[in-house]
N, C-alpha and C. Protein backbone atom coordinates (compact mmCIF):
# COMPACT_ATOMS: atom_id res chain seq x y z
N MET A 1 5.93 19.22 15.88
CA MET A 1 5.69 17.93 15.24
C MET A 1 5.19 16.96 16.32
N ASP A 2 4.13 16.22 15.99
CA ASP A 2 3.61 15.27 16.99
C ASP A 2 4.37 13.95 16.95
N LEU A 3 4.15 13.15 17.95
CA LEU A 3 4.90 11.91 18.12
C LEU A 3 4.63 10.92 16.98
N ASN A 4 3.40 10.85 16.50
CA ASN A 4 3.08 9.94 15.40
C ASN A 4 3.80 10.32 14.12
N ALA A 5 3.87 11.62 13.83
CA ALA A 5 4.58 12.08 12.64
C ALA A 5 6.06 11.72 12.75
N LEU A 6 6.63 11.91 13.93
CA LEU A 6 8.04 11.57 14.14
C LEU A 6 8.27 10.07 13.97
N LYS A 7 7.34 9.25 14.44
CA LYS A 7 7.47 7.80 14.29
C LYS A 7 7.44 7.42 12.82
N ARG A 8 6.54 8.05 12.03
CA ARG A 8 6.46 7.75 10.61
C ARG A 8 7.75 8.11 9.90
N ILE A 9 8.34 9.23 10.25
CA ILE A 9 9.59 9.67 9.62
C ILE A 9 10.70 8.69 9.96
N ILE A 10 10.79 8.29 11.20
CA ILE A 10 11.83 7.35 11.63
C ILE A 10 11.63 6.01 10.93
N ARG A 11 10.39 5.53 10.86
CA ARG A 11 10.11 4.25 10.19
C ARG A 11 10.50 4.34 8.71
N ALA A 12 10.16 5.44 8.06
CA ALA A 12 10.49 5.58 6.64
C ALA A 12 12.00 5.60 6.43
N ALA A 13 12.71 6.29 7.31
CA ALA A 13 14.16 6.40 7.17
C ALA A 13 14.87 5.09 7.46
N THR A 14 14.33 4.29 8.34
CA THR A 14 15.01 3.05 8.72
C THR A 14 14.60 1.84 7.89
N THR A 15 13.61 2.01 7.03
CA THR A 15 13.16 0.87 6.21
C THR A 15 13.40 1.08 4.73
N VAL A 16 14.30 1.99 4.40
CA VAL A 16 14.62 2.24 2.99
C VAL A 16 15.26 1.00 2.41
N ARG A 17 14.83 0.62 1.19
CA ARG A 17 15.33 -0.56 0.51
C ARG A 17 16.04 -0.12 -0.76
N PRO A 18 16.92 -0.96 -1.28
CA PRO A 18 17.66 -0.57 -2.50
C PRO A 18 16.74 -0.28 -3.67
N VAL A 19 15.62 -1.02 -3.77
CA VAL A 19 14.67 -0.79 -4.84
C VAL A 19 13.31 -0.55 -4.19
N GLU A 20 12.73 0.59 -4.43
CA GLU A 20 11.41 0.87 -3.91
C GLU A 20 10.70 1.86 -4.84
N ILE A 21 9.41 2.03 -4.61
CA ILE A 21 8.63 2.94 -5.43
C ILE A 21 8.09 4.05 -4.56
N GLY A 22 7.72 5.14 -5.19
CA GLY A 22 7.12 6.25 -4.48
C GLY A 22 5.61 6.17 -4.49
N CYS A 23 4.99 7.14 -3.86
CA CYS A 23 3.53 7.17 -3.74
C CYS A 23 2.84 7.19 -5.09
N ASP A 24 3.34 7.99 -6.03
CA ASP A 24 2.68 8.06 -7.35
C ASP A 24 2.65 6.71 -8.05
N ASP A 25 3.80 6.01 -8.04
CA ASP A 25 3.85 4.69 -8.67
C ASP A 25 2.98 3.69 -7.91
N CYS A 26 2.96 3.78 -6.61
CA CYS A 26 2.18 2.88 -5.79
C CYS A 26 0.68 3.08 -6.12
N LEU A 27 0.24 4.32 -6.09
CA LEU A 27 -1.17 4.61 -6.35
C LEU A 27 -1.59 4.23 -7.77
N ALA A 28 -0.67 4.33 -8.71
CA ALA A 28 -0.98 3.96 -10.09
C ALA A 28 -1.23 2.45 -10.23
N GLN A 29 -0.67 1.65 -9.34
CA GLN A 29 -0.81 0.20 -9.40
C GLN A 29 -1.75 -0.35 -8.34
N LEU A 30 -2.32 0.54 -7.54
CA LEU A 30 -3.12 0.11 -6.40
C LEU A 30 -4.35 -0.69 -6.80
N ASP A 31 -4.99 -0.36 -7.92
CA ASP A 31 -6.19 -1.08 -8.32
C ASP A 31 -5.87 -2.54 -8.64
N VAL A 32 -4.77 -2.80 -9.32
CA VAL A 32 -4.37 -4.16 -9.65
C VAL A 32 -4.05 -4.92 -8.37
N PHE A 33 -3.33 -4.28 -7.47
CA PHE A 33 -2.98 -4.88 -6.19
C PHE A 33 -4.23 -5.25 -5.42
N ALA A 34 -5.19 -4.33 -5.38
CA ALA A 34 -6.44 -4.57 -4.65
C ALA A 34 -7.21 -5.74 -5.24
N GLU A 35 -7.24 -5.86 -6.57
CA GLU A 35 -7.94 -6.96 -7.22
C GLU A 35 -7.33 -8.30 -6.80
N HIS A 36 -6.03 -8.36 -6.72
CA HIS A 36 -5.37 -9.61 -6.28
C HIS A 36 -5.75 -9.91 -4.84
N GLN A 37 -5.75 -8.91 -3.98
CA GLN A 37 -6.09 -9.11 -2.60
C GLN A 37 -7.55 -9.55 -2.43
N LEU A 38 -8.41 -8.98 -3.22
CA LEU A 38 -9.83 -9.26 -3.14
C LEU A 38 -10.16 -10.72 -3.39
N VAL A 39 -9.43 -11.35 -4.29
CA VAL A 39 -9.70 -12.76 -4.62
C VAL A 39 -8.66 -13.70 -3.99
N ASN A 40 -7.93 -13.19 -3.04
CA ASN A 40 -6.90 -13.97 -2.33
C ASN A 40 -5.91 -14.62 -3.29
N LYS A 41 -5.58 -13.91 -4.34
CA LYS A 41 -4.62 -14.39 -5.32
C LYS A 41 -3.22 -13.95 -4.90
N ASP A 42 -2.24 -14.79 -5.15
CA ASP A 42 -0.86 -14.39 -4.84
C ASP A 42 -0.50 -13.12 -5.58
N VAL A 43 0.23 -12.28 -4.91
CA VAL A 43 0.66 -11.03 -5.50
C VAL A 43 1.86 -11.31 -6.40
N PRO A 44 1.79 -10.93 -7.68
CA PRO A 44 2.92 -11.15 -8.56
C PRO A 44 4.16 -10.39 -8.06
N GLU A 45 5.30 -10.87 -8.47
CA GLU A 45 6.56 -10.25 -8.03
C GLU A 45 6.57 -8.76 -8.31
N ALA A 46 6.00 -8.33 -9.41
CA ALA A 46 5.98 -6.90 -9.74
C ALA A 46 5.18 -6.10 -8.71
N MET A 47 4.24 -6.74 -8.05
CA MET A 47 3.40 -6.06 -7.08
C MET A 47 4.05 -6.03 -5.67
N ARG A 48 5.15 -6.75 -5.52
CA ARG A 48 5.84 -6.79 -4.21
C ARG A 48 6.26 -5.38 -3.78
N LEU A 49 6.67 -4.56 -4.74
CA LEU A 49 7.09 -3.20 -4.40
C LEU A 49 5.89 -2.39 -3.87
N VAL A 50 4.71 -2.64 -4.41
CA VAL A 50 3.50 -1.97 -3.94
C VAL A 50 3.23 -2.41 -2.50
N ALA A 51 3.31 -3.72 -2.26
CA ALA A 51 3.08 -4.23 -0.91
C ALA A 51 4.06 -3.64 0.10
N GLU A 52 5.32 -3.57 -0.29
CA GLU A 52 6.33 -3.00 0.61
C GLU A 52 6.07 -1.52 0.86
N HIS A 53 5.63 -0.80 -0.17
CA HIS A 53 5.35 0.62 -0.01
C HIS A 53 4.18 0.80 0.94
N LEU A 54 3.16 -0.03 0.80
CA LEU A 54 1.97 0.08 1.67
C LEU A 54 2.32 -0.18 3.13
N GLU A 55 3.31 -1.02 3.37
CA GLU A 55 3.74 -1.27 4.75
C GLU A 55 4.38 -0.05 5.38
N ARG A 56 4.97 0.82 4.56
CA ARG A 56 5.71 1.96 5.10
C ARG A 56 4.95 3.27 5.00
N CYS A 57 3.98 3.38 4.11
CA CYS A 57 3.35 4.65 3.84
C CYS A 57 1.90 4.66 4.35
N ASP A 58 1.65 5.41 5.40
CA ASP A 58 0.31 5.47 5.97
C ASP A 58 -0.73 6.04 5.01
N ASP A 59 -0.35 7.06 4.24
CA ASP A 59 -1.29 7.69 3.31
C ASP A 59 -1.73 6.70 2.23
N CYS A 60 -0.79 6.01 1.62
CA CYS A 60 -1.13 5.05 0.58
C CYS A 60 -1.87 3.86 1.17
N SER A 61 -1.49 3.46 2.37
CA SER A 61 -2.15 2.35 3.02
C SER A 61 -3.62 2.69 3.30
N GLU A 62 -3.90 3.89 3.74
CA GLU A 62 -5.28 4.32 3.96
C GLU A 62 -6.06 4.32 2.64
N GLU A 63 -5.43 4.76 1.59
CA GLU A 63 -6.06 4.76 0.26
C GLU A 63 -6.40 3.32 -0.16
N PHE A 64 -5.47 2.41 0.09
CA PHE A 64 -5.68 1.01 -0.25
C PHE A 64 -6.84 0.41 0.54
N VAL A 65 -6.87 0.66 1.83
CA VAL A 65 -7.95 0.13 2.68
C VAL A 65 -9.31 0.65 2.19
N SER A 66 -9.37 1.90 1.83
CA SER A 66 -10.62 2.48 1.33
C SER A 66 -11.02 1.85 -0.01
N LEU A 67 -10.05 1.68 -0.89
CA LEU A 67 -10.33 1.05 -2.19
C LEU A 67 -10.82 -0.39 -2.00
N LEU A 68 -10.15 -1.13 -1.17
CA LEU A 68 -10.54 -2.52 -0.92
C LEU A 68 -11.94 -2.61 -0.33
N ALA A 69 -12.27 -1.72 0.59
CA ALA A 69 -13.60 -1.70 1.17
C ALA A 69 -14.66 -1.37 0.13
N ALA A 70 -14.37 -0.45 -0.76
CA ALA A 70 -15.31 -0.07 -1.80
C ALA A 70 -15.53 -1.26 -2.77
N LEU A 71 -14.45 -1.94 -3.13
CA LEU A 71 -14.56 -3.09 -4.01
C LEU A 71 -15.36 -4.22 -3.37
N ARG A 72 -15.14 -4.43 -2.09
CA ARG A 72 -15.88 -5.49 -1.38
C ARG A 72 -17.37 -5.13 -1.33
N THR A 73 -17.68 -3.86 -1.14
CA THR A 73 -19.07 -3.41 -1.12
C THR A 73 -19.72 -3.65 -2.46
N LEU A 74 -18.99 -3.35 -3.53
CA LEU A 74 -19.53 -3.54 -4.87
C LEU A 74 -19.79 -5.02 -5.18
N GLU A 75 -18.95 -5.88 -4.62
CA GLU A 75 -19.11 -7.30 -4.86
C GLU A 75 -20.05 -7.95 -3.85
N GLY A 76 -20.49 -7.18 -2.88
CA GLY A 76 -21.42 -7.70 -1.87
C GLY A 76 -20.80 -8.61 -0.86
N LYS A 77 -19.50 -8.41 -0.60
CA LYS A 77 -18.78 -9.24 0.38
C LYS A 77 -18.74 -8.57 1.70
């Protein structure tokens, strides 16, 4: 196991919250979350769990960055 993988595991284990969502739930809501980010709109309370998941999950965070970049390209920003 490489050092980065070990760091991700430790971060995930030490940042567990009483209420959180998994990758499937996060990815299912990612488009709505990205739309809010794109227009600098406050994230609704329901989206807070998505934001928290993105802080901890590198895979979902990479997916979000890609989605946001694609949306910005489509809007010409």
